[in-house]
């Protein structure tokens, strides 16, 4: 069964809504790789992290995270 699923971007508040097969959503939530479950969706990042691909690119446009952008555990690892 297909149902609408909405994913708001936590950075810009843009909302992406997809008609998704509920069985496939359950498969993904159970641990299947999202890119294997939904190979045709362009913006998987918003489903994974809650950040749209445009904002993700802006946040990480330099390609590296500085220590000040890492959590305490990551910065000391």
C-alpha atoms as a PDB file:
ATOM      1  CA  UNK A   1       0.000   0.000   0.000  1.00  0.00           C
ATOM      2  CA  UNK A   2       1.306   3.435  -0.904  1.00  0.00           C
ATOM      3  CA  UNK A   3       1.086   6.245   1.651  1.00  0.00           C
ATOM      4  CA  UNK A   4       2.425   9.798   1.808  1.00  0.00           C
ATOM      5  CA  UNK A   5       5.462  10.314   4.047  1.00  0.00           C
ATOM      6  CA  UNK A   6       6.704  13.843   4.756  1.00  0.00           C
ATOM      7  CA  UNK A   7      10.242  14.759   5.769  1.00  0.00           C
ATOM      8  CA  UNK A   8      10.906  18.347   6.945  1.00  0.00           C
ATOM      9  CA  UNK A   9      14.398  19.795   6.650  1.00  0.00           C
ATOM     10  CA  UNK A  10      15.654  20.886  10.066  1.00  0.00           C
ATOM     11  CA  UNK A  11      17.736  23.661   8.468  1.00  0.00           C
ATOM     12  CA  UNK A  12      15.429  25.394   5.963  1.00  0.00           C
ATOM     13  CA  UNK A  13      12.023  23.897   6.932  1.00  0.00           C
ATOM     14  CA  UNK A  14      11.390  22.770   3.345  1.00  0.00           C
ATOM     15  CA  UNK A  15       9.233  19.623   3.361  1.00  0.00           C
ATOM     16  CA  UNK A  16       9.671  16.732   0.932  1.00  0.00           C
ATOM     17  CA  UNK A  17       6.700  14.391   0.630  1.00  0.00           C
ATOM     18  CA  UNK A  18       6.985  11.030  -1.081  1.00  0.00           C
ATOM     19  CA  UNK A  19       4.383   8.374  -1.859  1.00  0.00           C
ATOM     20  CA  UNK A  20       6.104   5.314  -0.448  1.00  0.00           C
ATOM     21  CA  UNK A  21       5.220   1.663  -0.179  1.00  0.00           C
ATOM     22  CA  UNK A  22       4.592   1.111   3.533  1.00  0.00           C
ATOM     23  CA  UNK A  23       6.145  -2.369   3.395  1.00  0.00           C
ATOM     24  CA  UNK A  24       9.348  -0.841   2.000  1.00  0.00           C
ATOM     25  CA  UNK A  25       9.360   1.809   4.735  1.00  0.00           C
ATOM     26  CA  UNK A  26       9.103  -0.974   7.329  1.00  0.00           C
ATOM     27  CA  UNK A  27      11.931  -2.833   5.557  1.00  0.00           C
ATOM     28  CA  UNK A  28      14.122   0.294   5.763  1.00  0.00           C
ATOM     29  CA  UNK A  29      13.228   0.921   9.414  1.00  0.00           C
ATOM     30  CA  UNK A  30      14.116  -2.722  10.175  1.00  0.00           C
ATOM     31  CA  UNK A  31      17.659  -2.107   8.960  1.00  0.00           C
ATOM     32  CA  UNK A  32      17.764  -2.480   5.180  1.00  0.00           C
ATOM     33  CA  UNK A  33      19.975   0.019   3.361  1.00  0.00           C
ATOM     34  CA  UNK A  34      17.859   2.963   2.260  1.00  0.00           C
ATOM     35  CA  UNK A  35      19.581   3.218  -1.133  1.00  0.00           C
ATOM     36  CA  UNK A  36      18.616  -0.399  -1.838  1.00  0.00           C
ATOM     37  CA  UNK A  37      15.021   0.015  -0.678  1.00  0.00           C
ATOM     38  CA  UNK A  38      14.415   3.332  -2.467  1.00  0.00           C
ATOM     39  CA  UNK A  39      16.867   3.432  -5.401  1.00  0.00           C
ATOM     40  CA  UNK A  40      14.790   5.946  -7.386  1.00  0.00           C
ATOM     41  CA  UNK A  41      14.572   8.680  -4.737  1.00  0.00           C
ATOM     42  CA  UNK A  42      17.032  11.499  -5.419  1.00  0.00           C
ATOM     43  CA  UNK A  43      17.121  13.135  -1.983  1.00  0.00           C
ATOM     44  CA  UNK A  44      17.629  10.281   0.482  1.00  0.00           C
ATOM     45  CA  UNK A  45      19.589  12.565   2.804  1.00  0.00           C
ATOM     46  CA  UNK A  46      16.441  14.245   4.120  1.00  0.00           C
ATOM     47  CA  UNK A  47      15.054  10.825   5.030  1.00  0.00           C
ATOM     48  CA  UNK A  48      18.286   9.790   6.760  1.00  0.00           C
ATOM     49  CA  UNK A  49      19.379  12.912   8.623  1.00  0.00           C
ATOM     50  CA  UNK A  50      16.465  15.334   8.404  1.00  0.00           C
ATOM     51  CA  UNK A  51      18.520  17.737   6.276  1.00  0.00           C
ATOM     52  CA  UNK A  52      17.701  18.279   2.586  1.00  0.00           C
ATOM     53  CA  UNK A  53      20.475  17.759   0.075  1.00  0.00           C
ATOM     54  CA  UNK A  54      20.749  21.515  -0.644  1.00  0.00           C
ATOM     55  CA  UNK A  55      21.324  22.347   3.035  1.00  0.00           C
ATOM     56  CA  UNK A  56      23.604  19.334   3.481  1.00  0.00           C
ATOM     57  CA  UNK A  57      25.786  20.563   0.619  1.00  0.00           C
ATOM     58  CA  UNK A  58      25.925  24.059   2.142  1.00  0.00           C
ATOM     59  CA  UNK A  59      26.816  22.724   5.594  1.00  0.00           C
ATOM     60  CA  UNK A  60      29.638  20.559   4.284  1.00  0.00           C
ATOM     61  CA  UNK A  61      30.730  22.465   1.180  1.00  0.00           C
ATOM     62  CA  UNK A  62      34.378  22.548   2.273  1.00  0.00           C
ATOM     63  CA  UNK A  63      34.394  18.740   2.424  1.00  0.00           C
ATOM     64  CA  UNK A  64      35.710  18.438   5.980  1.00  0.00           C
ATOM     65  CA  UNK A  65      34.436  18.961   9.476  1.00  0.00           C
ATOM     66  CA  UNK A  66      36.589  21.016  11.805  1.00  0.00           C
ATOM     67  CA  UNK A  67      37.043  19.964  15.426  1.00  0.00           C
ATOM     68  CA  UNK A  68      34.630  22.706  16.481  1.00  0.00           C
ATOM     69  CA  UNK A  69      31.896  21.044  14.377  1.00  0.00           C
ATOM     70  CA  UNK A  70      32.355  17.592  15.886  1.00  0.00           C
ATOM     71  CA  UNK A  71      30.726  16.252  19.012  1.00  0.00           C
ATOM     72  CA  UNK A  72      32.880  15.739  22.098  1.00  0.00           C
ATOM     73  CA  UNK A  73      33.256  12.001  21.438  1.00  0.00           C
ATOM     74  CA  UNK A  74      34.323  12.529  17.842  1.00  0.00           C
ATOM     75  CA  UNK A  75      36.778  15.345  18.555  1.00  0.00           C
ATOM     76  CA  UNK A  76      38.712  13.262  21.076  1.00  0.00           C
ATOM     77  CA  UNK A  77      38.692   9.996  19.109  1.00  0.00           C
END
